[in-house]
Protein backbone atom coordinates (compact mmCIF):
# COMPACT_ATOMS: atom_id res chain seq x y z
CA ASP A 1 -4.27 -16.44 -3.64
CA GLU A 2 -1.93 -16.70 -6.62
CA ARG A 3 0.21 -13.69 -5.67
CA SER A 4 0.79 -13.87 -1.92
CA ILE A 5 0.52 -17.58 -1.09
CA GLU A 6 3.50 -19.27 -2.66
CA LEU A 7 3.94 -22.92 -3.54
CA GLY A 8 4.79 -24.94 -0.42
CA CYS A 9 3.39 -22.41 2.06
CA ASP A 10 1.08 -23.44 4.88
CA TRP A 11 -2.04 -21.96 3.33
CA ARG A 12 -4.08 -22.48 6.52
CA ALA A 13 -1.68 -20.32 8.51
CA GLU A 14 -1.56 -17.71 5.73
CA LEU A 15 -5.35 -17.45 5.59
CA GLY A 16 -5.58 -17.29 9.37
CA HIS A 17 -3.02 -14.47 9.47
CA ALA A 18 -4.91 -12.58 6.76
CA ALA A 19 -8.22 -12.96 8.60
CA ALA A 20 -6.70 -11.67 11.85
CA ASN A 21 -5.27 -8.60 10.10
CA SER A 22 -8.06 -7.66 7.70
CA ALA A 23 -9.35 -4.10 7.64
CA VAL A 24 -12.51 -5.21 5.83
CA VAL A 25 -14.36 -8.52 6.18
CA VAL A 26 -17.05 -9.31 3.60
CA VAL A 27 -19.39 -12.02 4.88
CA VAL A 28 -21.55 -13.52 2.13
CA LEU A 29 -24.30 -15.05 4.24
CA THR A 30 -25.98 -18.20 3.04
CA LYS A 31 -26.93 -21.34 4.88
CA GLU A 32 -23.95 -23.04 3.27
CA TYR A 33 -21.64 -20.36 4.72
CA THR A 34 -22.69 -21.22 8.27
CA GLN A 35 -21.86 -24.88 7.59
CA ARG A 36 -18.32 -24.34 6.30
CA PRO A 37 -15.69 -24.66 9.05
CA TRP A 38 -13.14 -22.37 7.39
CA CYS A 39 -15.74 -19.66 6.81
CA MET A 40 -16.76 -19.73 10.45
CA LEU A 41 -13.18 -19.89 11.70
CA GLU A 42 -12.02 -16.96 9.54
CA LEU A 43 -14.90 -14.82 10.79
CA ASP A 44 -14.04 -15.74 14.38
CA LEU A 45 -10.38 -14.82 13.83
CA ALA A 46 -11.34 -11.49 12.25
CA LEU A 47 -13.59 -10.56 15.18
CA HIS A 48 -11.66 -11.92 18.16
CA SER A 49 -8.05 -12.73 17.30
CA ARG A 50 -6.69 -9.43 16.06
CA SER A 51 -2.91 -9.33 15.80
CA PHE A 52 -0.99 -6.65 17.73
CA ALA A 53 -0.54 -4.59 14.54
CA ALA A 54 -4.24 -4.81 13.72
CA GLN A 55 -5.21 -3.89 17.27
CA GLN A 56 -3.47 -0.56 16.84
CA GLN A 57 -6.03 0.23 14.15
CA GLN A 58 -9.80 0.24 14.42
CA GLN A 59 -11.85 -2.96 14.43
CA PRO A 60 -12.48 -4.39 10.96
CA LEU A 61 -15.37 -3.13 8.89
CA ILE A 62 -17.85 -6.01 8.65
CA ILE A 63 -19.91 -5.98 5.46
CA PRO A 64 -22.72 -8.59 5.60
CA VAL A 65 -24.10 -9.59 2.22
CA PHE A 66 -27.38 -11.53 2.27
CA TYR A 67 -27.86 -13.80 -0.72
CA ASP A 68 -30.78 -15.48 1.02
CA GLU A 69 -33.42 -14.05 3.31
CA PRO A 70 -31.96 -13.54 6.81
CA GLU A 71 -34.41 -15.91 8.47
CA LYS A 72 -33.02 -18.69 6.25
CA VAL A 73 -29.49 -18.03 7.46
CA VAL A 74 -29.30 -16.61 10.97
CA GLN A 75 -30.93 -19.10 13.30
CA PHE A 76 -28.86 -19.39 16.44
CA ASP A 77 -30.19 -22.77 17.59
CA GLU A 78 -29.75 -24.40 14.18
CA ILE A 79 -26.12 -23.26 13.93
CA VAL A 80 -25.35 -24.61 17.41
CA LYS A 81 -27.16 -27.87 16.60
CA TYR A 82 -25.23 -28.33 13.36
CA TRP A 83 -21.80 -27.75 14.92
CA THR A 84 -22.48 -30.03 17.89
CA GLY A 85 -23.72 -32.75 15.56
CA PRO A 86 -23.15 -33.45 11.85
CA GLY A 87 -20.76 -30.55 11.32
CA LEU A 88 -18.46 -31.78 14.08
CA GLN A 89 -18.56 -35.39 12.91
CA HIS A 90 -17.32 -34.44 9.44
CA LEU A 91 -14.07 -33.03 10.85
CA ALA A 92 -10.90 -34.84 11.81
CA ALA A 93 -10.25 -35.21 15.54
CA THR A 94 -7.48 -32.61 15.44
CA GLN A 95 -9.84 -30.07 13.86
CA GLN A 96 -12.71 -30.59 16.28
CA ASP A 97 -10.84 -28.79 19.06
CA TRP A 98 -11.23 -25.38 17.46
CA VAL A 99 -14.98 -25.68 16.80
CA ASP A 100 -16.99 -23.31 19.01
CA PRO A 101 -20.70 -23.85 18.25
CA SER A 102 -22.21 -21.17 20.48
CA GLY A 103 -19.39 -18.71 19.75
CA TRP A 104 -19.78 -19.17 16.00
CA ALA A 105 -23.54 -18.75 16.23
CA THR A 106 -23.02 -15.57 18.26
CA ASN A 107 -20.64 -14.26 15.58
CA ILE A 108 -23.28 -14.75 12.88
CA ARG A 109 -25.89 -13.02 15.03
CA ALA A 110 -23.48 -10.10 15.58
CA VAL A 111 -22.84 -9.82 11.85
CA GLU A 112 -26.58 -9.79 11.20
CA GLY A 113 -26.80 -6.63 13.28
CA LYS A 114 -24.43 -4.74 10.98
CA GLU A 115 -25.64 -2.61 8.09
CA ALA A 116 -26.25 -5.32 5.50
CA ILE A 117 -26.43 -5.38 1.72
CA TRP A 118 -29.46 -7.32 0.52
CA ARG A 119 -29.10 -8.91 -2.90
CA ASN A 120 -32.82 -9.56 -3.25
CA LYS A 121 -33.61 -5.89 -2.68
CA LEU A 122 -31.40 -4.66 -5.51
CA ALA A 123 -33.37 -3.52 -8.54
CA ASP A 124 -32.82 -4.95 -12.03
CA SER A 125 -32.47 -8.73 -11.76
CA LYS A 126 -30.07 -8.89 -14.75
CA ASN A 127 -27.37 -6.83 -13.05
CA LYS A 128 -27.85 -7.75 -9.39
CA ASP A 129 -24.43 -9.33 -8.96
CA TYR A 130 -22.70 -6.34 -10.58
CA LYS A 131 -24.60 -3.91 -8.35
CA LEU A 132 -23.90 -6.08 -5.33
CA ALA A 133 -20.16 -6.06 -6.03
CA ARG A 134 -20.22 -2.29 -6.59
CA HIS A 135 -21.96 -1.68 -3.23
CA VAL A 136 -19.36 -3.82 -1.46
CA VAL A 137 -16.39 -2.11 -3.12
CA VAL A 138 -17.68 1.40 -2.46
CA ARG A 139 -18.19 0.67 1.22
CA ALA A 140 -14.85 -1.12 1.57
CA VAL A 141 -12.86 1.66 -0.12
CA ARG A 142 -14.12 4.16 2.44
CA ALA A 143 -12.66 2.06 5.25
CA VAL A 144 -9.26 1.25 3.75
CA PRO A 145 -6.48 3.86 3.83
CA VAL A 146 -5.04 4.95 0.50
CA GLN A 147 -2.13 2.68 -0.37
CA VAL A 148 0.31 3.13 -3.21
CA HIS A 149 2.39 0.59 -5.06
CA THR A 150 6.04 0.48 -4.08
CA ASP A 151 9.03 -1.43 -5.33
CA PRO A 152 11.17 -3.35 -2.83
CA VAL A 153 13.50 -1.18 -0.76
CA TYR A 154 16.83 -2.55 0.43
CA GLY A 155 19.35 -0.93 2.72
CA PHE A 156 17.03 1.75 4.11
CA GLU A 157 15.18 -0.30 6.72
CA GLN A 158 16.71 1.42 9.75
CA GLN A 159 16.27 4.90 8.32
CA GLU A 160 12.67 4.12 7.43
CA ALA A 161 11.88 2.93 10.96
CA GLU A 162 13.45 6.08 12.43
CA LEU A 163 11.53 8.38 10.11
CA VAL A 164 8.22 6.62 10.74
CA ALA A 165 8.80 6.94 14.47
CA GLU A 166 9.51 10.66 14.14
CA LEU A 167 6.49 11.34 11.95
CA ALA A 168 4.10 9.20 14.01
CA VAL A 169 4.80 11.02 17.29
CA PRO A 170 2.50 14.03 17.85
CA ASP A 171 4.62 17.18 17.71
CA PRO A 172 3.14 20.63 16.99
CA ASP A 173 6.53 21.78 15.67
CA ARG A 174 6.91 18.93 13.20
CA LEU A 175 4.81 18.93 10.04
CA GLY A 176 6.60 16.39 7.90
CA LEU A 177 9.55 15.42 5.76
CA TRP A 178 11.48 16.78 2.78
CA LEU A 179 13.27 13.87 1.05
CA HIS A 180 15.87 14.95 -1.48
CA GLY A 181 18.49 13.30 -3.68
CA MET A 182 19.57 12.76 -7.26
CA GLY A 183 17.32 11.04 -9.76
CA GLY A 184 17.10 7.27 -9.29
CA CYS A 185 18.28 7.32 -5.65
CA GLY A 186 15.03 5.79 -4.37
CA LYS A 187 13.44 8.84 -2.73
CA THR A 188 10.03 8.26 -4.33
CA THR A 189 9.93 4.58 -3.38
CA HIS A 190 11.11 5.43 0.13
CA ALA A 191 8.52 8.19 0.49
CA LYS A 192 5.73 5.91 -0.72
CA MET A 193 6.66 3.28 1.84
CA LEU A 194 6.52 5.95 4.55
CA PHE A 195 3.16 7.08 3.17
CA ASN A 196 1.79 3.52 3.35
CA ARG A 197 3.07 3.06 6.90
CA LEU A 198 1.42 6.29 8.08
CA ALA A 199 -1.83 6.10 6.08
CA SER A 200 -3.60 3.87 8.61
CA HIS A 201 -3.34 6.70 11.15
CA PHE A 202 -5.26 9.16 8.96
CA GLN A 203 -8.83 9.31 7.72
CA HIS A 204 -7.77 11.74 4.98
CA SER A 205 -4.73 11.04 2.80
CA ALA A 206 -3.62 11.89 -0.71
CA LEU A 207 -0.63 11.53 -3.03
CA ILE A 208 0.10 13.87 -5.93
CA GLU A 209 2.84 13.02 -8.45
CA LEU A 210 4.25 15.88 -10.52
CA GLN A 211 6.10 15.72 -13.83
CA HIS A 212 9.30 17.77 -13.96
CA ASP A 213 8.38 21.47 -13.78
CA GLU A 214 4.77 21.14 -14.95
CA ARG A 215 2.36 23.79 -13.72
CA VAL A 216 -0.16 22.72 -11.13
CA GLY A 217 -3.68 22.97 -12.52
CA SER A 218 -7.28 22.19 -11.68
CA GLN A 219 -6.72 18.48 -12.38
CA HIS A 220 -4.15 18.24 -9.58
CA LEU A 221 -6.32 20.05 -7.04
CA THR A 222 -9.38 18.04 -8.04
CA SER A 223 -7.42 14.84 -7.48
CA LEU A 224 -6.15 16.13 -4.14
CA LEU A 225 -9.65 16.99 -2.93
CA LYS A 226 -11.13 13.69 -4.08
CA GLN A 227 -8.41 11.63 -2.42
CA LEU A 228 -8.87 13.56 0.81
CA GLY A 229 -12.58 12.75 0.71
CA ALA A 230 -14.07 16.13 -0.17
CA LYS A 231 -17.50 16.12 -1.80
CA GLY A 232 -19.89 18.61 -3.33
CA PHE A 233 -17.38 20.78 -5.18
CA GLN A 234 -17.31 21.74 -8.86
CA GLU A 235 -14.39 20.06 -10.59
CA ASP A 236 -14.29 22.51 -13.50
CA ARG A 237 -13.56 25.55 -11.33
CA ALA A 238 -10.33 27.53 -11.67
CA ALA A 239 -7.27 26.24 -9.82
CA GLY A 240 -7.29 29.22 -7.45
CA VAL A 241 -10.88 28.51 -6.42
CA LEU A 242 -10.08 24.84 -5.82
CA LEU A 243 -7.05 25.79 -3.73
CA VAL A 244 -9.33 27.87 -1.47
CA LYS A 245 -11.69 24.88 -1.25
CA THR A 246 -8.74 22.68 -0.26
CA GLN A 247 -7.73 25.17 2.43
CA ASP A 248 -11.25 25.23 3.87
CA TYR A 249 -11.50 21.44 3.79
CA VAL A 250 -8.23 20.65 5.63
CA ARG A 251 -8.41 23.50 8.16
CA ASP A 252 -9.84 21.34 10.96
CA LYS A 253 -8.66 17.91 9.80
CA ALA A 254 -5.53 15.85 10.31
CA VAL A 255 -4.43 14.99 6.78
CA LEU A 256 -1.54 13.07 5.21
CA ILE A 257 -0.34 14.53 1.91
CA MET A 258 2.59 13.39 -0.20
CA VAL A 259 3.84 15.49 -3.12
CA ASP A 260 6.32 13.68 -5.32
CA ASN A 261 8.96 15.20 -7.62
CA VAL A 262 8.77 18.90 -6.74
CA TRP A 263 10.93 21.08 -9.00
CA THR A 264 9.80 24.62 -8.24
CA GLN A 265 8.44 26.60 -5.32
CA LYS A 266 5.57 27.68 -7.57
CA GLN A 267 4.32 24.09 -7.68
CA LEU A 268 4.00 24.09 -3.89
CA ASP A 269 2.38 27.55 -3.93
CA GLU A 270 -0.27 26.37 -6.40
CA LEU A 271 -0.99 23.00 -4.77
CA LEU A 272 -0.73 23.04 -0.98
CA PRO A 273 -3.02 24.83 1.47
CA ARG A 274 -1.49 27.62 3.55
CA SER A 275 -2.17 25.87 6.84
CA PHE A 276 -2.97 22.38 8.06
CA GLY A 277 -5.12 20.88 10.78
CA GLN A 278 -3.48 19.67 13.98
CA GLY A 279 -1.71 16.34 13.55
CA SER A 280 -1.30 16.67 9.78
CA ARG A 281 1.77 15.32 7.99
CA VAL A 282 3.31 16.35 4.66
CA ILE A 283 5.93 14.37 2.72
CA VAL A 284 7.72 16.07 -0.17
CA THR A 285 10.29 14.55 -2.54
CA SER A 286 12.60 16.64 -4.68
CA ARG A 287 15.98 16.53 -6.38
CA PHE A 288 16.81 19.73 -4.53
CA ALA A 289 17.78 20.14 -0.89
CA GLY A 290 15.76 23.34 -0.84
CA LEU A 291 13.99 25.89 -3.02
CA PRO A 292 13.68 29.70 -2.96
CA HIS A 293 10.99 30.24 -0.32
CA SER A 294 7.69 32.03 -0.60
CA GLU A 295 6.78 33.91 2.57
CA TRP A 296 4.17 31.37 3.65
CA TRP A 297 6.47 28.44 2.89
CA LYS A 298 9.26 29.72 5.14
CA GLN A 299 7.28 28.79 8.24
CA VAL A 300 6.19 25.46 6.75
CA ASN A 301 9.75 24.63 5.72
CA GLN A 302 10.94 25.10 9.30
CA GLN A 303 8.56 22.34 10.36
CA LEU A 304 9.93 19.84 7.83
CA GLU A 305 12.74 17.41 8.58
CA HIS A 306 15.16 17.56 5.65
CA TYR A 307 16.62 14.18 4.79
CA ALA A 308 19.21 13.45 2.10
CA MET A 309 18.92 10.03 0.46
CA ALA A 310 22.20 8.12 0.61
CA GLN A 311 23.36 5.61 -1.97
CA LEU A 312 22.96 1.92 -1.19
CA ASN A 313 25.92 0.05 0.23
CA HIS A 314 27.31 -2.81 -1.85
CA ALA A 315 25.45 -5.59 -0.02
CA ALA A 316 22.07 -3.88 -0.35
CA ALA A 317 22.82 -2.98 -3.97
CA MET A 318 23.60 -6.61 -4.78
CA GLN A 319 20.38 -7.71 -3.08
CA LEU A 320 18.29 -5.29 -5.12
CA PHE A 321 20.05 -6.25 -8.37
CA ARG A 322 19.48 -9.95 -7.69
CA HIS A 323 15.82 -9.30 -6.95
CA ALA A 324 15.39 -7.43 -10.22
CA ALA A 325 17.24 -10.19 -12.09
CA ASN A 326 14.95 -12.85 -10.53
CA LEU A 327 17.91 -14.55 -8.86
CA ASP A 328 18.21 -15.76 -5.26
CA MET A 329 20.98 -14.24 -3.17
CA GLY A 330 22.40 -17.69 -2.42
CA LEU A 331 22.61 -18.71 -6.08
CA HIS A 332 26.15 -19.24 -7.40
CA LEU A 333 26.53 -18.07 -10.98
CA PRO A 334 27.85 -20.81 -13.29
CA SER A 335 31.12 -19.11 -14.30
CA LYS A 336 33.75 -16.78 -12.90
CA GLN A 337 33.22 -14.49 -15.88
CA LEU A 338 29.56 -14.08 -14.99
CA CYS A 339 30.47 -13.42 -11.35
CA ASP A 340 32.97 -10.75 -12.35
CA THR A 341 30.48 -9.17 -14.76
CA GLU A 342 27.82 -9.07 -12.05
CA GLU A 343 30.21 -7.33 -9.65
CA LYS A 344 31.11 -4.76 -12.30
CA ILE A 345 27.43 -4.09 -13.12
CA VAL A 346 26.53 -3.52 -9.47
CA THR A 347 29.56 -1.27 -8.99
CA ALA A 348 28.74 0.72 -12.13
CA CYS A 349 25.23 1.40 -10.82
CA LYS A 350 26.83 3.44 -7.99
CA GLY A 351 24.27 2.41 -5.39
CA LEU A 352 21.35 3.95 -7.27
CA PRO A 353 18.20 1.80 -6.86
CA LEU A 354 16.68 2.72 -10.22
CA ALA A 355 19.87 1.82 -12.11
CA LEU A 356 20.12 -1.48 -10.22
CA GLN A 357 16.52 -2.37 -11.00
CA VAL A 358 16.88 -1.54 -14.68
CA ALA A 359 20.20 -3.38 -15.00
CA GLY A 360 18.75 -6.40 -13.22
CA GLY A 361 15.75 -6.35 -15.53
CA ALA A 362 18.07 -6.23 -18.55
CA VAL A 363 19.64 -9.59 -17.62
CA ARG A 364 16.47 -11.17 -16.21
CA ALA A 365 15.46 -14.56 -17.61
CA ASN A 366 11.88 -15.80 -17.72
CA ASN A 367 12.22 -18.44 -15.01
CA ARG A 368 13.30 -18.06 -11.40
CA ASN A 369 17.09 -18.53 -10.99
CA ALA A 370 17.58 -19.03 -14.73
CA VAL A 371 20.77 -17.26 -15.80
CA ALA A 372 20.66 -15.40 -19.10
CA HIS A 373 23.47 -15.75 -21.63
CA LEU A 374 26.71 -13.94 -20.79
CA THR A 375 26.21 -11.65 -23.80
CA ARG A 376 23.19 -9.99 -22.17
CA TRP A 377 25.19 -9.32 -19.01
CA GLN A 378 28.07 -7.87 -21.02
CA ASN A 379 25.71 -5.63 -23.02
CA ALA A 380 24.21 -4.27 -19.81
CA LEU A 381 27.66 -3.57 -18.41
CA ALA A 382 28.79 -1.91 -21.63
CA ALA A 383 25.78 0.43 -21.59
CA LEU A 384 26.57 1.49 -18.03
CA GLN A 385 30.26 1.98 -18.75
CA ARG A 386 29.64 4.03 -21.90
CA ASN A 387 27.45 6.44 -20.00
CA PRO A 388 27.16 6.57 -16.20
CA ASP A 389 23.70 8.06 -16.71
CA ALA A 390 22.70 5.30 -19.13
CA LEU A 391 18.98 5.41 -18.36
CA ASP A 392 16.67 7.01 -20.89
CA THR A 393 13.60 9.03 -19.89
CA GLU A 394 11.53 5.85 -19.53
CA GLY A 395 14.02 4.10 -17.28
CA ARG A 396 15.63 1.78 -19.84
CA LEU A 397 19.27 1.07 -20.53
CA GLN A 398 20.33 3.03 -23.61
């Protein structure tokens, strides 16, 4: 894996950890698969060596894919015979200890009993591999909670753990969280991390991102319904009709909904259902600590924990800036002038994550730990000093 297994890592340990934590395991069954030690070991880890974190979730979804006819693959006695004979002899002595012939054969037999995808039964021989991949993806997506991309968060680890603990505990008087703070303070990133942490506990989850004070329309409600898993509704219906459909759909379900960047109460009125199923959680981000309440929202608002985002302390701010600049924390800059400039840049960002990320990106060199010319650092500092709010609408230094 080019993204998550770095140079110098113990790739065997990384693959083993991934297998023991997978939510979905796709087993492409061929005779060759049953004769590959790492294939058999990864399947065994996925089925029987779940980590503590994975055990808290449901067992992995096993998706068997038959490239060959099953009788050519799943023959218990042949698998045992291979791994007590030639298969074992091909391994080093230190690797032979973790071979389990009968256990591995039993795993393959168990996988055979799952609902399989048969390549040879797919119509249209020219596009079989495409159709096969599509079948696998569709089934896998249904089993994996919605996850959203987040940037690194520094300095909020303790607060995040506390909030996750509060939201994860069943409490009929607690519906969710209202995160508020000035633009660029990290509330969206923080909320998305909370969303990702909670999503595995919900079969129905959705995230809606709003733009300034835009009016909520059919496209937002259609997206909400689709993400929650609703089917059989007409997407071109009026927003009011879709809101009623949303209300009906969530009435008896525990749902997780995040609404990002709320500016007006009307947005909430036009988007969210009037009541939620037991166990539901709602996360809202806004620049405002509160909004003028509609009657129905007053009760909902009382069930939300209001949390003001604080600015990062200097140490966390420096860590985030260094990350954005592609520099290790332990790296010593080559001159005192650069060190002083770095300190001034971090201070000028006033603990705001977005400003730190943009400023770090402005001085980022192409290679890891390569330090850009002093002029680039000085230009970034000058932009921040000229205007404390030196980020344009697209998050660039002006």
